[in-house]
Amino acid sequence: MSTKNIYILGIESSCDDTSAAVICNGKVLSNIVANQEIHAKYGGVVPELASRAHQQNIVPVVQQAIEQAGITKEDLNSIAFTRGPGLMGSLLVGTSFAKSLALGLNIPLIDVNHMQAHILAHFIKEEGCKIPPFPFICLTISGGHTQIVKITDHFEMEILGETIDDAVGEAFDKSAKILGLPYPGGPLIDKYAQLGNPKAFKFTKPKVGELDFSFSGLKTGILYFIQRNVKENPNFIKENLHDICASIQFTIIEILMEKLKNAVKHTNIKHIAIAGGVSANSEIRKRLQLAEKHWGWTTYVPNFEYTTDNAAMIAITGYLKYLNKNYADVFVTAKARLKVTE
């Protein structure tokens, strides 16, 4: 008896990347991402420019995803799209397109919570990748979010701790901006940190609750540190760039690991996953591998292409919802603010 193939088209347009993916029974057939380089000269994402670029990119990106998957749009069983959270103008482009295509093909429409999708990317069927068992803890780290979430089922999630101000991705990017590095600066800090001494400079860690995060004070501390030293030596950044980056990264990753250890202590759950764009950081991946040896954790790290905003994670979430017939109606609306538990 043959299993019927279920094809899900995922559409992601929450920020500045337009992405479309097709999965079949949980396996990725295509995952196309169109980046928007225009934002680099502004030092951050400009919402109006982002939504315009989505309008230009969405049709060719979806077409390419379907062609690369080796199917036609008539083979699709459902269309999943990012409802939120994100930039409203960007979300509206994906939402409107997904509604129109679903109506035209007369197939179910599925709305996806972007934050849930980051976590559920772990359920993409990939050779050599472990799928976490329930319950597990996920550290979701990105430019807009920093959370520790307890997952007891695909759509049963509880926030254990979260940031009270800046997200970890912002801490990396804003620190990079202070150092005069181009946007996005987080990956550059990671790159230069590998050539420096992580204990060359000491930065004060913010004191907040056991499971919550705060990066605003750290960012300010880094700013004052740089201003003070540049005043004494105008070449300070240039002469110490690698050590500065290594020290900043060491401090940020230490904060993340301390909170994770507290979460394990509180829940006694030792299956630990990471998700979101910052999970591509080499140091957090290395520290999680060490945690397996030192503390007996089992860690789950997604493939690099599923860490940043991508439609494969939207498609796998749509697939899991499709199996439960958890469809959206045509009146569903985009929502800029959406908690992972919604």
Foldseek 3Di string as FASTA:
>chain_A
DDDDWAKEWFWEFFFQKTWIWIDIPQATQFWDIDGDPVCQVVLDGDLVVRLVVNLVPHVVRHVVRCVSSVHDLLRHQEYEYEQDAHRQSRRVSRLVVRLVSCVVSVHFYAYDHQQLLQVCLLSRDDPPFDRDDPFEWEFEAEQQWTFIWTDRDSQDIDTPETEPDGTLQVLQQLLQVLLVHIPPRNVVLLVLLVVADQVPDAFDADDDDLQYHYRPVRSVRSNVVVVVVCVVPVCVCVVHVSHSSNNSVVRSLVVVVSNVVSVCVVPVHQEYEYAAQCLLRPVNVVVVVVCCVPVVHHYGRDDNVSRYDIRSSSRSSVVVCVVVVNGDDSPRHRDNDDDSND
